N, C-alpha and C. Protein backbone atom coordinates (compact mmCIF):
# COMPACT_ATOMS: atom_id res chain seq x y z
N MET A 1 99.74 90.62 -77.76
CA MET A 1 101.16 90.77 -77.97
C MET A 1 101.86 89.50 -77.47
N LYS A 2 102.78 88.99 -78.27
CA LYS A 2 103.53 87.79 -77.90
C LYS A 2 105.02 88.14 -77.85
N ILE A 3 105.66 87.62 -76.82
CA ILE A 3 107.11 87.80 -76.65
C ILE A 3 107.71 86.44 -76.32
N VAL A 4 108.82 86.12 -76.96
CA VAL A 4 109.55 84.90 -76.63
C VAL A 4 110.92 85.30 -76.07
N LEU A 5 111.18 84.87 -74.84
CA LEU A 5 112.53 85.00 -74.28
C LEU A 5 113.26 83.75 -74.74
N SER A 6 114.25 83.92 -75.60
CA SER A 6 114.82 82.80 -76.31
C SER A 6 116.26 82.49 -75.92
N GLY A 7 116.51 81.21 -75.65
CA GLY A 7 117.87 80.72 -75.49
C GLY A 7 118.50 80.89 -74.14
N GLY A 8 117.74 81.25 -73.14
CA GLY A 8 118.29 81.44 -71.80
C GLY A 8 118.35 80.13 -71.01
N THR A 9 119.06 80.18 -69.90
CA THR A 9 119.04 79.07 -68.96
C THR A 9 117.77 79.26 -68.13
N VAL A 10 116.82 78.36 -68.29
CA VAL A 10 115.51 78.51 -67.65
C VAL A 10 115.50 77.74 -66.33
N VAL A 11 115.26 78.47 -65.25
CA VAL A 11 115.08 77.88 -63.92
C VAL A 11 113.59 78.03 -63.64
N SER A 12 112.85 76.95 -63.88
CA SER A 12 111.39 77.07 -63.91
C SER A 12 110.73 77.01 -62.54
N MET A 13 111.34 76.32 -61.56
CA MET A 13 110.72 76.13 -60.25
C MET A 13 109.42 75.34 -60.37
N ASP A 14 109.19 74.71 -61.53
CA ASP A 14 108.01 73.90 -61.76
C ASP A 14 108.47 72.48 -62.07
N PRO A 15 108.19 71.52 -61.19
CA PRO A 15 108.66 70.15 -61.40
C PRO A 15 108.21 69.53 -62.72
N SER A 16 107.06 69.95 -63.23
CA SER A 16 106.58 69.37 -64.48
C SER A 16 107.37 69.88 -65.69
N VAL A 17 108.00 71.04 -65.55
CA VAL A 17 108.82 71.61 -66.62
C VAL A 17 110.30 71.31 -66.39
N GLY A 18 110.74 71.47 -65.15
CA GLY A 18 112.15 71.28 -64.82
C GLY A 18 112.99 72.47 -65.24
N ASP A 19 114.27 72.35 -65.10
CA ASP A 19 115.20 73.39 -65.51
C ASP A 19 115.74 73.04 -66.89
N LEU A 20 115.99 74.06 -67.68
CA LEU A 20 116.45 73.86 -69.05
C LEU A 20 117.77 74.60 -69.25
N GLY A 21 118.78 73.89 -69.69
CA GLY A 21 120.07 74.53 -69.97
C GLY A 21 119.97 75.55 -71.07
N ARG A 22 119.05 75.32 -72.00
CA ARG A 22 118.73 76.26 -73.07
C ARG A 22 117.24 76.15 -73.29
N GLY A 23 116.51 77.24 -73.07
CA GLY A 23 115.07 77.17 -73.20
C GLY A 23 114.45 78.48 -73.62
N ASP A 24 113.18 78.40 -73.95
CA ASP A 24 112.40 79.56 -74.36
C ASP A 24 111.20 79.72 -73.44
N VAL A 25 110.78 80.96 -73.28
CA VAL A 25 109.57 81.26 -72.49
C VAL A 25 108.68 82.14 -73.37
N LEU A 26 107.45 81.71 -73.57
CA LEU A 26 106.48 82.48 -74.35
C LEU A 26 105.57 83.25 -73.41
N ILE A 27 105.46 84.53 -73.67
CA ILE A 27 104.58 85.41 -72.89
C ILE A 27 103.54 85.98 -73.84
N GLU A 28 102.27 85.75 -73.51
CA GLU A 28 101.18 86.26 -74.33
C GLU A 28 100.32 87.19 -73.50
N ASP A 29 100.20 88.42 -73.95
CA ASP A 29 99.41 89.43 -73.24
C ASP A 29 99.78 89.51 -71.76
N GLY A 30 101.09 89.47 -71.47
CA GLY A 30 101.57 89.61 -70.11
C GLY A 30 101.51 88.37 -69.25
N VAL A 31 101.13 87.23 -69.83
CA VAL A 31 101.00 85.98 -69.08
C VAL A 31 101.91 84.92 -69.70
N ILE A 32 102.65 84.21 -68.86
CA ILE A 32 103.48 83.12 -69.35
C ILE A 32 102.55 82.02 -69.84
N SER A 33 102.71 81.66 -71.12
CA SER A 33 101.82 80.64 -71.68
C SER A 33 102.54 79.35 -72.05
N ALA A 34 103.87 79.39 -72.14
CA ALA A 34 104.60 78.16 -72.46
C ALA A 34 106.06 78.31 -72.05
N VAL A 35 106.63 77.18 -71.63
CA VAL A 35 108.06 77.08 -71.33
C VAL A 35 108.51 75.77 -71.95
N ALA A 36 109.52 75.85 -72.84
CA ALA A 36 109.98 74.65 -73.53
C ALA A 36 111.40 74.87 -74.05
N GLU A 37 112.00 73.77 -74.52
CA GLU A 37 113.35 73.89 -75.07
C GLU A 37 113.38 74.82 -76.27
N ARG A 38 112.39 74.73 -77.13
CA ARG A 38 112.27 75.63 -78.29
C ARG A 38 110.80 75.96 -78.51
N ILE A 39 110.54 77.24 -78.74
CA ILE A 39 109.19 77.69 -79.05
C ILE A 39 109.27 78.49 -80.34
N ASP A 40 108.58 78.03 -81.36
CA ASP A 40 108.54 78.75 -82.63
C ASP A 40 107.19 79.43 -82.77
N THR A 41 107.20 80.74 -82.66
CA THR A 41 105.99 81.54 -82.81
C THR A 41 106.34 82.71 -83.72
N PRO A 42 106.07 82.57 -85.03
CA PRO A 42 106.52 83.57 -86.00
C PRO A 42 106.03 84.99 -85.74
N ASP A 43 104.88 85.14 -85.10
CA ASP A 43 104.33 86.48 -84.88
C ASP A 43 104.74 87.09 -83.54
N ALA A 44 105.73 86.50 -82.87
CA ALA A 44 106.16 87.01 -81.56
C ALA A 44 107.43 87.84 -81.69
N GLU A 45 107.55 88.81 -80.82
CA GLU A 45 108.82 89.54 -80.67
C GLU A 45 109.77 88.60 -79.95
N VAL A 46 110.98 88.46 -80.45
CA VAL A 46 111.95 87.55 -79.85
C VAL A 46 113.03 88.37 -79.14
N ILE A 47 113.23 88.04 -77.86
CA ILE A 47 114.28 88.68 -77.07
C ILE A 47 115.35 87.63 -76.80
N ASP A 48 116.57 87.92 -77.22
CA ASP A 48 117.67 86.98 -77.03
C ASP A 48 118.06 86.94 -75.56
N ALA A 49 117.88 85.78 -74.95
CA ALA A 49 118.20 85.61 -73.53
C ALA A 49 119.45 84.75 -73.36
N SER A 50 120.22 84.56 -74.44
CA SER A 50 121.45 83.78 -74.35
C SER A 50 122.34 84.37 -73.26
N ASP A 51 123.02 83.50 -72.55
CA ASP A 51 123.90 83.93 -71.45
C ASP A 51 123.15 84.63 -70.33
N ARG A 52 121.86 84.35 -70.21
CA ARG A 52 121.04 84.93 -69.15
C ARG A 52 120.30 83.82 -68.41
N ILE A 53 119.93 84.10 -67.19
CA ILE A 53 119.07 83.19 -66.43
C ILE A 53 117.65 83.72 -66.53
N VAL A 54 116.74 82.86 -66.90
CA VAL A 54 115.33 83.24 -67.02
C VAL A 54 114.56 82.45 -65.97
N MET A 55 113.86 83.17 -65.11
CA MET A 55 113.10 82.52 -64.03
C MET A 55 111.63 82.89 -64.19
N PRO A 56 110.89 82.13 -65.01
CA PRO A 56 109.48 82.45 -65.25
C PRO A 56 108.69 82.51 -63.94
N GLY A 57 107.95 83.58 -63.78
CA GLY A 57 107.12 83.73 -62.60
C GLY A 57 107.81 84.42 -61.43
N PHE A 58 109.12 84.62 -61.53
CA PHE A 58 109.84 85.30 -60.45
C PHE A 58 109.78 86.79 -60.75
N VAL A 59 108.91 87.48 -60.05
CA VAL A 59 108.61 88.87 -60.36
C VAL A 59 109.33 89.81 -59.40
N ASP A 60 109.84 90.89 -59.93
CA ASP A 60 110.46 91.96 -59.14
C ASP A 60 111.62 91.48 -58.27
N ASN A 61 112.48 90.67 -58.82
CA ASN A 61 113.62 90.20 -58.02
C ASN A 61 114.56 91.32 -57.63
N HIS A 62 114.51 92.44 -58.32
CA HIS A 62 115.39 93.57 -57.99
C HIS A 62 115.02 94.23 -56.66
N ARG A 63 113.81 94.07 -56.21
CA ARG A 63 113.38 94.76 -54.99
C ARG A 63 114.13 94.32 -53.74
N HIS A 64 114.60 93.09 -53.72
CA HIS A 64 115.30 92.60 -52.53
C HIS A 64 116.79 92.40 -52.77
N ALA A 65 117.24 92.59 -53.99
CA ALA A 65 118.65 92.36 -54.30
C ALA A 65 119.56 93.27 -53.46
N TRP A 66 119.16 94.48 -53.22
CA TRP A 66 119.99 95.41 -52.46
C TRP A 66 120.20 94.96 -51.02
N GLN A 67 119.30 94.12 -50.50
CA GLN A 67 119.39 93.69 -49.11
C GLN A 67 120.46 92.62 -48.88
N THR A 68 120.92 91.97 -49.94
CA THR A 68 121.88 90.87 -49.80
C THR A 68 123.13 91.31 -49.05
N ALA A 69 123.63 92.48 -49.36
CA ALA A 69 124.85 92.97 -48.72
C ALA A 69 124.66 93.18 -47.22
N PHE A 70 123.42 93.32 -46.78
CA PHE A 70 123.15 93.62 -45.38
C PHE A 70 122.53 92.45 -44.62
N ARG A 71 122.62 91.26 -45.18
CA ARG A 71 121.94 90.09 -44.62
C ARG A 71 122.31 89.83 -43.16
N GLY A 72 123.57 89.99 -42.78
CA GLY A 72 124.00 89.67 -41.42
C GLY A 72 123.86 90.81 -40.43
N ILE A 73 123.51 91.99 -40.92
CA ILE A 73 123.38 93.14 -40.03
C ILE A 73 122.13 92.99 -39.17
N GLY A 74 122.27 93.23 -37.91
CA GLY A 74 121.12 93.26 -37.00
C GLY A 74 120.46 91.92 -36.79
N ALA A 75 121.23 90.86 -36.74
CA ALA A 75 120.65 89.53 -36.56
C ALA A 75 119.85 89.42 -35.26
N ASP A 76 120.17 90.27 -34.29
CA ASP A 76 119.45 90.21 -33.01
C ASP A 76 118.42 91.34 -32.87
N TRP A 77 118.16 92.08 -33.96
CA TRP A 77 117.18 93.16 -33.92
C TRP A 77 115.76 92.61 -33.98
N THR A 78 114.82 93.38 -33.46
CA THR A 78 113.41 93.07 -33.67
C THR A 78 113.06 93.49 -35.10
N PHE A 79 111.92 93.04 -35.58
CA PHE A 79 111.54 93.42 -36.94
C PHE A 79 111.40 94.94 -37.09
N PRO A 80 110.76 95.65 -36.16
CA PRO A 80 110.68 97.11 -36.31
C PRO A 80 112.07 97.77 -36.35
N GLN A 81 113.02 97.28 -35.57
CA GLN A 81 114.38 97.84 -35.61
C GLN A 81 115.02 97.57 -36.97
N TRP A 82 114.86 96.36 -37.47
CA TRP A 82 115.42 96.00 -38.76
C TRP A 82 114.80 96.85 -39.88
N ALA A 83 113.47 96.97 -39.87
CA ALA A 83 112.77 97.73 -40.91
C ALA A 83 113.20 99.20 -40.90
N ALA A 84 113.34 99.78 -39.71
CA ALA A 84 113.77 101.18 -39.62
C ALA A 84 115.17 101.36 -40.17
N ALA A 85 116.07 100.44 -39.84
CA ALA A 85 117.44 100.55 -40.32
C ALA A 85 117.53 100.31 -41.82
N MET A 86 116.88 99.27 -42.31
CA MET A 86 116.96 98.93 -43.73
C MET A 86 116.25 99.94 -44.61
N HIS A 87 114.99 100.21 -44.29
CA HIS A 87 114.18 101.06 -45.17
C HIS A 87 114.34 102.54 -44.87
N GLY A 88 114.70 102.88 -43.66
CA GLY A 88 114.84 104.29 -43.33
C GLY A 88 116.25 104.82 -43.49
N THR A 89 117.25 103.97 -43.32
CA THR A 89 118.63 104.43 -43.34
C THR A 89 119.40 103.93 -44.56
N LEU A 90 119.43 102.61 -44.77
CA LEU A 90 120.27 102.06 -45.84
C LEU A 90 119.64 102.13 -47.23
N LYS A 91 118.39 101.77 -47.35
CA LYS A 91 117.74 101.72 -48.66
C LYS A 91 117.81 103.06 -49.41
N PRO A 92 117.55 104.19 -48.78
CA PRO A 92 117.61 105.45 -49.51
C PRO A 92 118.99 105.77 -50.08
N ARG A 93 120.04 105.14 -49.53
CA ARG A 93 121.39 105.42 -49.99
C ARG A 93 121.85 104.46 -51.08
N GLY A 94 121.05 103.42 -51.35
CA GLY A 94 121.40 102.45 -52.38
C GLY A 94 121.19 103.02 -53.78
N ARG A 95 121.88 102.43 -54.76
CA ARG A 95 121.72 102.84 -56.14
C ARG A 95 121.99 101.63 -57.04
N ALA A 96 121.52 101.69 -58.24
CA ALA A 96 121.72 100.58 -59.18
C ALA A 96 123.21 100.37 -59.40
N GLY A 97 123.60 99.11 -59.47
CA GLY A 97 125.00 98.77 -59.72
C GLY A 97 125.86 98.84 -58.50
N MET A 98 125.27 99.08 -57.34
CA MET A 98 126.04 99.16 -56.10
C MET A 98 126.59 97.80 -55.74
N PRO A 99 127.89 97.70 -55.47
CA PRO A 99 128.46 96.39 -55.15
C PRO A 99 127.95 95.86 -53.83
């Protein structure tokens, strides 16, 4: 199966590729196989990524997004105190789209 994420702003984190103001990412069988300004693969499913940021290789970014709002809380806590507060108290109350 081939998928092309097409037309997004690509932040590659790979110096050999660089960042692309408009780029495509080809995924073949679940593996990123190419990153370029334009990728023409007629047999691929094309997903329009216009007006989106595409970060190839950045997996599960949603898992830590909820923590941003709490970054300054408990700056003087030990790790076990922080983990108990974040994962035991705050995380269960979070929901998608929470400001």
